Amino acid sequence: MKEVKKAKIESSLTVLLVSDFDKSKKYYEECLGCEVNEYWAIRDDFGLGFKLIQANNKEDVNPNKGTWNTYAYVNNFDELNLLFDELKTNRAIIVTEPELSEFEWGVWKEFSVRDLDGYVIGFGSGHKIEN
């Protein structure tokens, strides 16, 4: 079978329709620690990235129900804890506190925050069990 060469994707942005562009920009900058301009809200060199777009109608703002809109992976538990403390100090809206889940392969820890329109961003990190 012939191997197909694929281009590498360096980063991505989650596109979010927001009800108040200026308030959203302020929240993403002050509470989530993003660099914000008219094109994007990014953090950690596009490790976390959003394209905030002013919705034409409030009905167009449509966060996922019962799950995240974006999920970001963090290198380890120490970094995850540091991030949680930072976001909490910055008055981000906390949806779930850090929680551990055990699996056959190891342990996963995650928490989530919400923005002003109800979009939920999850953050998580795993630790493999050494045999």
N, C-alpha and C. Protein backbone atom coordinates (compact mmCIF):
# COMPACT_ATOMS: atom_id res chain seq x y z
N MET A 1 0.85 -1.18 0.00
CA MET A 1 0.00 0.00 0.00
C MET A 1 0.89 1.25 0.00
N LYS A 2 0.59 2.19 -0.84
CA LYS A 2 1.38 3.40 -0.98
C LYS A 2 1.12 4.33 0.21
N GLU A 3 2.21 4.85 0.79
CA GLU A 3 2.07 5.77 1.91
C GLU A 3 1.75 7.16 1.38
N VAL A 4 0.73 7.79 1.95
CA VAL A 4 0.30 9.12 1.53
C VAL A 4 0.91 10.13 2.50
N LYS A 5 1.59 11.11 1.95
CA LYS A 5 2.17 12.16 2.78
C LYS A 5 1.09 13.19 3.10
N LYS A 6 1.00 13.54 4.38
CA LYS A 6 0.01 14.52 4.82
C LYS A 6 0.71 15.76 5.33
N ALA A 7 0.09 16.89 5.14
CA ALA A 7 0.59 18.15 5.68
C ALA A 7 0.34 18.18 7.18
N LYS A 8 1.20 18.84 7.94
CA LYS A 8 1.07 18.94 9.39
C LYS A 8 0.30 20.20 9.75
N ILE A 9 -0.70 20.04 10.59
CA ILE A 9 -1.48 21.17 11.10
C ILE A 9 -0.79 21.66 12.37
N GLU A 10 -0.48 22.93 12.44
CA GLU A 10 0.27 23.48 13.57
C GLU A 10 -0.62 23.89 14.74
N SER A 11 -1.82 24.38 14.45
CA SER A 11 -2.71 24.82 15.52
C SER A 11 -4.11 24.96 14.95
N SER A 12 -5.06 25.24 15.81
CA SER A 12 -6.42 25.46 15.35
C SER A 12 -7.11 26.46 16.26
N LEU A 13 -8.21 27.01 15.79
CA LEU A 13 -9.02 27.94 16.56
C LEU A 13 -10.44 27.41 16.63
N THR A 14 -11.08 27.58 17.76
CA THR A 14 -12.49 27.29 17.89
C THR A 14 -13.24 28.58 17.60
N VAL A 15 -14.20 28.53 16.69
CA VAL A 15 -14.97 29.72 16.32
C VAL A 15 -16.19 29.79 17.23
N LEU A 16 -16.35 30.94 17.89
CA LEU A 16 -17.46 31.13 18.81
C LEU A 16 -18.24 32.39 18.43
N LEU A 17 -19.54 32.24 18.20
CA LEU A 17 -20.40 33.41 18.04
C LEU A 17 -20.74 33.92 19.43
N VAL A 18 -20.51 35.20 19.67
CA VAL A 18 -20.71 35.76 21.01
C VAL A 18 -21.77 36.85 20.97
N SER A 19 -22.43 37.05 22.11
CA SER A 19 -23.52 38.03 22.18
C SER A 19 -23.02 39.45 22.35
N ASP A 20 -21.85 39.63 22.97
CA ASP A 20 -21.27 40.96 23.17
C ASP A 20 -19.77 40.86 22.97
N PHE A 21 -19.31 41.23 21.79
CA PHE A 21 -17.91 41.07 21.40
C PHE A 21 -16.96 41.74 22.39
N ASP A 22 -17.24 42.97 22.80
CA ASP A 22 -16.34 43.69 23.70
C ASP A 22 -16.26 43.03 25.08
N LYS A 23 -17.39 42.60 25.62
CA LYS A 23 -17.38 41.91 26.92
C LYS A 23 -16.65 40.57 26.82
N SER A 24 -16.86 39.86 25.72
CA SER A 24 -16.17 38.58 25.53
C SER A 24 -14.67 38.78 25.43
N LYS A 25 -14.24 39.76 24.65
CA LYS A 25 -12.81 40.05 24.52
C LYS A 25 -12.21 40.32 25.90
N LYS A 26 -12.88 41.11 26.71
CA LYS A 26 -12.38 41.44 28.05
C LYS A 26 -12.29 40.18 28.93
N TYR A 27 -13.30 39.33 28.88
CA TYR A 27 -13.31 38.11 29.69
C TYR A 27 -12.16 37.18 29.27
N TYR A 28 -12.00 36.98 27.97
CA TYR A 28 -10.95 36.07 27.50
C TYR A 28 -9.55 36.60 27.85
N GLU A 29 -9.41 37.91 27.86
CA GLU A 29 -8.12 38.50 28.21
C GLU A 29 -7.88 38.47 29.72
N GLU A 30 -8.83 39.01 30.48
CA GLU A 30 -8.62 39.16 31.92
C GLU A 30 -8.80 37.87 32.71
N CYS A 31 -9.75 37.06 32.34
CA CYS A 31 -10.05 35.86 33.13
C CYS A 31 -9.33 34.61 32.62
N LEU A 32 -9.16 34.50 31.30
CA LEU A 32 -8.55 33.30 30.74
C LEU A 32 -7.09 33.50 30.33
N GLY A 33 -6.60 34.74 30.43
CA GLY A 33 -5.20 35.00 30.15
C GLY A 33 -4.82 34.95 28.69
N CYS A 34 -5.77 35.22 27.81
CA CYS A 34 -5.51 35.19 26.38
C CYS A 34 -5.01 36.54 25.88
N GLU A 35 -4.22 36.49 24.81
CA GLU A 35 -3.88 37.69 24.05
C GLU A 35 -5.06 37.90 23.11
N VAL A 36 -5.68 39.06 23.18
CA VAL A 36 -6.92 39.28 22.43
C VAL A 36 -6.76 40.48 21.50
N ASN A 37 -7.19 40.30 20.26
CA ASN A 37 -7.28 41.41 19.31
C ASN A 37 -8.54 41.20 18.47
N GLU A 38 -8.67 41.93 17.39
CA GLU A 38 -9.89 41.81 16.58
C GLU A 38 -9.96 40.52 15.80
N TYR A 39 -8.86 39.74 15.75
CA TYR A 39 -8.84 38.51 14.97
C TYR A 39 -8.98 37.25 15.81
N TRP A 40 -8.43 37.25 17.03
CA TRP A 40 -8.44 36.04 17.83
C TRP A 40 -8.20 36.32 19.29
N ALA A 41 -8.45 35.29 20.09
CA ALA A 41 -8.09 35.25 21.50
C ALA A 41 -7.23 33.99 21.63
N ILE A 42 -5.93 34.18 21.89
CA ILE A 42 -5.02 33.04 21.95
C ILE A 42 -4.23 33.04 23.24
N ARG A 43 -3.78 31.87 23.60
CA ARG A 43 -2.95 31.71 24.78
C ARG A 43 -1.88 30.67 24.47
N ASP A 44 -0.69 30.90 24.99
CA ASP A 44 0.41 29.94 24.87
C ASP A 44 0.70 29.58 23.41
N ASP A 45 0.90 30.64 22.60
CA ASP A 45 1.28 30.46 21.20
C ASP A 45 0.32 29.52 20.45
N PHE A 46 -0.95 29.80 20.57
CA PHE A 46 -2.03 29.04 19.94
C PHE A 46 -2.25 27.67 20.57
N GLY A 47 -1.71 27.43 21.78
CA GLY A 47 -2.05 26.21 22.50
C GLY A 47 -3.54 26.19 22.80
N LEU A 48 -4.09 27.38 23.00
CA LEU A 48 -5.53 27.56 23.17
C LEU A 48 -5.89 28.73 22.28
N GLY A 49 -6.84 28.55 21.38
CA GLY A 49 -7.18 29.63 20.46
C GLY A 49 -8.65 29.69 20.12
N PHE A 50 -9.14 30.91 20.00
CA PHE A 50 -10.55 31.15 19.66
C PHE A 50 -10.65 32.27 18.64
N LYS A 51 -11.64 32.17 17.80
CA LYS A 51 -12.05 33.25 16.92
C LYS A 51 -13.40 33.70 17.45
N LEU A 52 -13.43 34.89 18.05
CA LEU A 52 -14.67 35.43 18.60
C LEU A 52 -15.34 36.28 17.52
N ILE A 53 -16.59 35.97 17.24
CA ILE A 53 -17.33 36.70 16.21
C ILE A 53 -18.65 37.19 16.81
N GLN A 54 -18.92 38.47 16.61
CA GLN A 54 -20.18 39.05 17.09
C GLN A 54 -21.34 38.39 16.35
N ALA A 55 -22.25 37.81 17.09
CA ALA A 55 -23.44 37.20 16.49
C ALA A 55 -24.40 38.28 16.01
N ASN A 56 -25.09 38.01 14.92
CA ASN A 56 -26.10 38.94 14.42
C ASN A 56 -27.33 38.94 15.31
N ASN A 57 -27.66 37.76 15.84
CA ASN A 57 -28.83 37.60 16.72
C ASN A 57 -28.42 36.79 17.93
N LYS A 58 -29.01 37.07 19.07
CA LYS A 58 -28.71 36.33 20.29
C LYS A 58 -29.00 34.84 20.11
N GLU A 59 -29.98 34.50 19.30
CA GLU A 59 -30.34 33.10 19.05
C GLU A 59 -29.22 32.33 18.35
N ASP A 60 -28.32 33.05 17.69
CA ASP A 60 -27.21 32.40 16.99
C ASP A 60 -26.13 31.92 17.95
N VAL A 61 -26.11 32.43 19.17
CA VAL A 61 -25.15 31.98 20.19
C VAL A 61 -25.67 30.67 20.72
N ASN A 62 -24.95 29.58 20.45
CA ASN A 62 -25.50 28.25 20.71
C ASN A 62 -24.43 27.31 21.28
N PRO A 63 -24.10 27.45 22.58
CA PRO A 63 -23.11 26.55 23.17
C PRO A 63 -23.61 25.11 23.19
N ASN A 64 -22.67 24.16 23.17
CA ASN A 64 -23.04 22.75 23.31
C ASN A 64 -23.75 22.56 24.64
N LYS A 65 -24.69 21.64 24.66
CA LYS A 65 -25.40 21.34 25.90
C LYS A 65 -24.85 20.06 26.50
N GLY A 66 -24.46 20.11 27.76
CA GLY A 66 -24.03 18.92 28.47
C GLY A 66 -22.60 18.48 28.20
N THR A 67 -21.84 19.27 27.44
CA THR A 67 -20.44 18.91 27.18
C THR A 67 -19.64 20.16 26.87
N TRP A 68 -18.36 19.96 26.60
CA TRP A 68 -17.49 21.09 26.32
C TRP A 68 -17.70 21.60 24.90
N ASN A 69 -17.30 22.85 24.69
CA ASN A 69 -17.20 23.41 23.35
C ASN A 69 -15.76 23.31 22.85
N THR A 70 -14.82 23.35 23.77
CA THR A 70 -13.40 23.21 23.47
C THR A 70 -12.77 22.43 24.61
N TYR A 71 -11.77 21.62 24.27
CA TYR A 71 -11.03 20.87 25.30
C TYR A 71 -9.55 21.07 25.03
N ALA A 72 -8.81 21.43 26.07
CA ALA A 72 -7.37 21.68 25.93
C ALA A 72 -6.59 20.74 26.85
N TYR A 73 -5.51 20.21 26.32
CA TYR A 73 -4.66 19.30 27.08
C TYR A 73 -3.48 20.07 27.68
N VAL A 74 -3.16 19.74 28.91
CA VAL A 74 -2.08 20.37 29.65
C VAL A 74 -1.03 19.29 29.93
N ASN A 75 0.24 19.67 29.96
CA ASN A 75 1.34 18.71 30.04
C ASN A 75 1.30 17.76 31.23
N ASN A 76 0.99 18.26 32.42
CA ASN A 76 1.05 17.41 33.62
C ASN A 76 0.15 17.99 34.70
N PHE A 77 0.02 17.25 35.79
CA PHE A 77 -0.87 17.67 36.87
C PHE A 77 -0.42 18.99 37.51
N ASP A 78 0.89 19.18 37.66
CA ASP A 78 1.38 20.43 38.26
C ASP A 78 0.95 21.63 37.42
N GLU A 79 1.11 21.53 36.10
CA GLU A 79 0.69 22.62 35.21
C GLU A 79 -0.82 22.81 35.25
N LEU A 80 -1.55 21.72 35.31
CA LEU A 80 -3.01 21.80 35.37
C LEU A 80 -3.45 22.50 36.65
N ASN A 81 -2.84 22.15 37.77
CA ASN A 81 -3.16 22.80 39.05
C ASN A 81 -2.81 24.28 39.02
N LEU A 82 -1.66 24.61 38.44
CA LEU A 82 -1.24 26.01 38.30
C LEU A 82 -2.23 26.78 37.45
N LEU A 83 -2.67 26.18 36.35
CA LEU A 83 -3.65 26.82 35.48
C LEU A 83 -4.97 27.04 36.21
N PHE A 84 -5.44 26.04 36.93
CA PHE A 84 -6.69 26.18 37.68
C PHE A 84 -6.59 27.33 38.67
N ASP A 85 -5.50 27.37 39.43
CA ASP A 85 -5.32 28.45 40.42
C ASP A 85 -5.30 29.82 39.74
N GLU A 86 -4.62 29.90 38.60
CA GLU A 86 -4.56 31.17 37.85
C GLU A 86 -5.95 31.61 37.41
N LEU A 87 -6.70 30.69 36.79
CA LEU A 87 -8.02 31.05 36.28
C LEU A 87 -8.98 31.40 37.40
N LYS A 88 -8.89 30.67 38.50
CA LYS A 88 -9.75 30.96 39.65
C LYS A 88 -9.42 32.35 40.22
N THR A 89 -8.13 32.65 40.35
CA THR A 89 -7.69 33.96 40.83
C THR A 89 -8.17 35.07 39.90
N ASN A 90 -8.17 34.80 38.60
CA ASN A 90 -8.61 35.78 37.60
C ASN A 90 -10.13 35.89 37.49
N ARG A 91 -10.84 35.16 38.33
CA ARG A 91 -12.30 35.16 38.39
C ARG A 91 -12.97 34.58 37.15
N ALA A 92 -12.32 33.56 36.56
CA ALA A 92 -13.00 32.81 35.51
C ALA A 92 -14.19 32.09 36.12
N ILE A 93 -15.19 31.84 35.34
CA ILE A 93 -16.39 31.15 35.83
C ILE A 93 -16.09 29.65 35.85
N ILE A 94 -15.95 29.09 37.04
CA ILE A 94 -15.60 27.68 37.21
C ILE A 94 -16.87 26.83 37.10
N VAL A 95 -16.85 25.86 36.21
CA VAL A 95 -17.97 24.94 36.05
C VAL A 95 -17.73 23.69 36.90
N THR A 96 -16.54 23.11 36.77
CA THR A 96 -16.18 21.95 37.59
C THR A 96 -14.78 22.16 38.14
N GLU A 97 -14.61 21.83 39.42
CA GLU A 97 -13.30 21.88 40.09
C GLU A 97 -12.46 20.71 39.57
N PRO A 98 -11.14 20.77 39.77
CA PRO A 98 -10.30 19.64 39.34
C PRO A 98 -10.78 18.32 39.95
N GLU A 99 -10.89 17.32 39.09
CA GLU A 99 -11.41 16.02 39.52
C GLU A 99 -10.57 14.91 38.89
N LEU A 100 -10.26 13.90 39.68
CA LEU A 100 -9.49 12.75 39.21
C LEU A 100 -10.42 11.62 38.77
N SER A 101 -10.05 10.96 37.68
CA SER A 101 -10.75 9.76 37.22
C SER A 101 -9.70 8.69 36.98
N GLU A 102 -9.96 7.47 37.47
CA GLU A 102 -9.01 6.38 37.30
C GLU A 102 -9.44 5.47 36.16
N PHE A 103 -8.45 5.04 35.37
CA PHE A 103 -8.67 4.15 34.25
C PHE A 103 -7.63 3.04 34.31
N GLU A 104 -7.78 2.01 33.47
CA GLU A 104 -6.80 0.92 33.41
C GLU A 104 -5.40 1.43 33.12
N TRP A 105 -5.29 2.42 32.26
CA TRP A 105 -4.00 2.93 31.80
C TRP A 105 -3.38 3.94 32.75
N GLY A 106 -4.20 4.55 33.63
CA GLY A 106 -3.67 5.58 34.53
C GLY A 106 -4.75 6.47 35.10
N VAL A 107 -4.38 7.72 35.39
CA VAL A 107 -5.28 8.68 36.04
C VAL A 107 -5.41 9.91 35.15
N TRP A 108 -6.63 10.42 35.05
CA TRP A 108 -6.92 11.64 34.30
C TRP A 108 -7.46 12.67 35.28
N LYS A 109 -7.00 13.91 35.15
CA LYS A 109 -7.49 15.00 35.99
C LYS A 109 -7.97 16.11 35.08
N GLU A 110 -9.13 16.69 35.40
CA GLU A 110 -9.66 17.75 34.55
C GLU A 110 -10.54 18.70 35.34
N PHE A 111 -10.72 19.88 34.76
CA PHE A 111 -11.67 20.87 35.28
C PHE A 111 -12.21 21.64 34.08
N SER A 112 -13.21 22.47 34.31
CA SER A 112 -13.75 23.26 33.20
C SER A 112 -14.20 24.63 33.68
N VAL A 113 -14.19 25.56 32.73
CA VAL A 113 -14.66 26.92 32.96
C VAL A 113 -15.69 27.26 31.89
N ARG A 114 -16.40 28.33 32.13
CA ARG A 114 -17.45 28.77 31.20
C ARG A 114 -17.19 30.23 30.86
N ASP A 115 -17.54 30.63 29.64
CA ASP A 115 -17.43 32.05 29.30
C ASP A 115 -18.79 32.72 29.51
N LEU A 116 -18.89 33.98 29.15
CA LEU A 116 -20.10 34.77 29.42
C LEU A 116 -21.32 34.31 28.62
N ASP A 117 -21.10 33.58 27.51
CA ASP A 117 -22.20 33.09 26.69
C ASP A 117 -22.54 31.63 26.97
N GLY A 118 -21.83 31.00 27.91
CA GLY A 118 -22.13 29.62 28.25
C GLY A 118 -21.26 28.59 27.55
N TYR A 119 -20.29 29.02 26.76
CA TYR A 119 -19.36 28.08 26.13
C TYR A 119 -18.45 27.50 27.22
N VAL A 120 -18.31 26.19 27.24
CA VAL A 120 -17.51 25.52 28.26
C VAL A 120 -16.18 25.06 27.68
N ILE A 121 -15.12 25.37 28.40
CA ILE A 121 -13.76 24.98 28.01
C ILE A 121 -13.23 24.02 29.05
N GLY A 122 -12.91 22.81 28.63
CA GLY A 122 -12.35 21.81 29.52
C GLY A 122 -10.83 21.81 29.43
N PHE A 123 -10.18 21.50 30.55
CA PHE A 123 -8.73 21.38 30.61
C PHE A 123 -8.41 20.08 31.30
N GLY A 124 -7.48 19.31 30.74
CA GLY A 124 -7.16 18.03 31.36
C GLY A 124 -5.73 17.59 31.13
N SER A 125 -5.33 16.63 31.96
CA SER A 125 -4.00 16.04 31.86
C SER A 125 -4.07 14.62 32.41
N GLY A 126 -3.22 13.76 31.86
CA GLY A 126 -3.21 12.36 32.29
C GLY A 126 -1.86 11.94 32.84
N HIS A 127 -1.90 10.86 33.60
CA HIS A 127 -0.68 10.27 34.16
C HIS A 127 -0.81 8.76 34.02
N LYS A 128 0.11 8.16 33.25
CA LYS A 128 0.08 6.71 33.05
C LYS A 128 0.61 5.99 34.28
N ILE A 129 0.04 4.84 34.55
CA ILE A 129 0.51 3.99 35.64
C ILE A 129 1.69 3.18 35.12
N GLU A 130 2.79 3.24 35.84
CA GLU A 130 3.99 2.48 35.46
C GLU A 130 3.86 1.08 36.04
N ASN A 131 4.09 0.07 35.23
CA ASN A 131 4.00 -1.34 35.70
C ASN A 131 5.35 -1.82 36.16
